[in-house]
Amino acid sequence: MSTDPKEITLDLPPQPATTENKAPIAGAKPSVELLKYGERGVAISSFEDLFRFAKAVTLSGMAPRGYEKPESVIIAVQMGAEVGLP
């Protein structure tokens, strides 16, 4: 991933396994599990989920000033959890 604001590239998950006609194979699981949603939005259940969420926040440009790196977002989420935020 490039950090140059003029050039942003995303690490996209691999496409599911396909047959020759490019239709998804029945029962094939994606190699990257999607984030789950709960009553209050994204349900983060692992560190990998948290990092993917933090990366999406920073790439979206919606993170507050000072939270330009996924690591900063992770620390903010942890600090919120420590004071009782869901």
Protein backbone atom coordinates (compact mmCIF):
# COMPACT_ATOMS: atom_id res chain seq x y z
CA MET A 1 0.00 0.00 0.00
CA SER A 2 1.29 3.41 -0.91
CA THR A 3 1.17 6.27 1.60
CA ASP A 4 1.36 8.94 -1.08
CA PRO A 5 -2.05 10.71 -1.03
CA LYS A 6 -2.09 10.85 -4.82
CA GLU A 7 -1.62 7.08 -5.14
CA ILE A 8 -3.73 4.84 -2.94
CA THR A 9 -3.79 1.11 -3.55
CA LEU A 10 -5.85 -1.40 -1.60
CA ASP A 11 -4.95 -4.97 -0.75
CA LEU A 12 -8.10 -6.67 -2.00
CA PRO A 13 -8.99 -10.19 -0.89
CA PRO A 14 -8.51 -12.94 -3.48
CA GLN A 15 -11.55 -13.89 -5.52
CA PRO A 16 -13.33 -17.16 -4.65
CA ALA A 17 -12.37 -20.31 -6.54
CA THR A 18 -14.19 -20.51 -9.87
CA THR A 19 -14.94 -22.99 -12.61
CA GLU A 20 -14.03 -22.36 -16.25
CA ASN A 21 -17.22 -20.32 -16.81
CA LYS A 22 -16.22 -18.03 -13.90
CA ALA A 23 -19.19 -19.01 -11.71
CA PRO A 24 -18.34 -19.47 -8.01
CA ILE A 25 -17.93 -23.08 -6.91
CA ALA A 26 -20.79 -24.14 -4.64
CA GLY A 27 -19.64 -24.38 -1.03
CA ALA A 28 -16.31 -22.60 -1.65
CA LYS A 29 -15.34 -20.30 1.22
CA PRO A 30 -13.65 -16.95 0.57
CA SER A 31 -10.03 -16.88 1.69
CA VAL A 32 -10.72 -13.73 3.77
CA GLU A 33 -13.69 -13.84 6.11
CA LEU A 34 -15.93 -10.80 6.02
CA LEU A 35 -16.37 -8.67 9.11
CA LYS A 36 -19.55 -9.42 10.99
CA TYR A 37 -22.11 -6.80 12.01
CA GLY A 38 -23.93 -6.67 15.31
CA GLU A 39 -26.56 -4.37 16.78
CA ARG A 40 -24.00 -1.56 17.17
CA GLY A 41 -22.14 -1.88 13.86
CA VAL A 42 -18.98 -3.84 13.05
CA ALA A 43 -18.44 -6.72 15.49
CA ILE A 44 -14.69 -7.07 16.04
CA SER A 45 -13.78 -10.51 17.38
CA SER A 46 -10.06 -10.81 16.64
CA PHE A 47 -6.95 -8.69 16.28
CA GLU A 48 -7.02 -9.37 12.53
CA ASP A 49 -10.59 -7.95 12.38
CA LEU A 50 -9.46 -4.91 14.38
CA PHE A 51 -6.50 -4.27 12.07
CA ARG A 52 -8.66 -4.61 8.95
CA PHE A 53 -11.21 -2.20 10.46
CA ALA A 54 -8.48 0.29 11.44
CA LYS A 55 -6.97 0.10 7.96
CA ALA A 56 -10.37 0.79 6.37
CA VAL A 57 -10.91 3.79 8.66
CA THR A 58 -7.56 5.34 7.78
CA LEU A 59 -7.90 4.66 4.04
CA SER A 60 -11.38 6.19 4.02
CA GLY A 61 -10.04 9.57 5.12
CA MET A 62 -12.70 9.67 7.86
CA ALA A 63 -10.27 9.25 10.76
CA PRO A 64 -9.72 12.33 12.97
CA ARG A 65 -6.50 14.31 12.62
CA GLY A 66 -3.73 12.43 14.40
CA TYR A 67 -5.16 9.01 13.51
CA GLU A 68 -3.65 8.64 10.04
CA LYS A 69 -2.16 5.19 10.74
CA PRO A 70 -4.06 1.96 11.52
CA GLU A 71 -1.94 1.54 14.66
CA SER A 72 -3.29 4.84 16.04
CA VAL A 73 -6.87 3.73 15.45
CA ILE A 74 -6.16 0.41 17.19
CA ILE A 75 -4.84 2.24 20.28
CA ALA A 76 -7.91 4.51 20.31
CA VAL A 77 -10.26 1.49 20.11
CA GLN A 78 -8.37 -0.20 22.96
CA MET A 79 -8.49 2.94 25.11
CA GLY A 80 -12.25 3.17 24.50
CA ALA A 81 -12.68 -0.47 25.54
CA GLU A 82 -10.71 0.19 28.73
CA VAL A 83 -13.13 2.94 29.78
CA GLY A 84 -16.18 0.82 28.99
CA LEU A 85 -17.18 1.80 25.46
CA PRO A 86 -18.74 -1.16 23.60
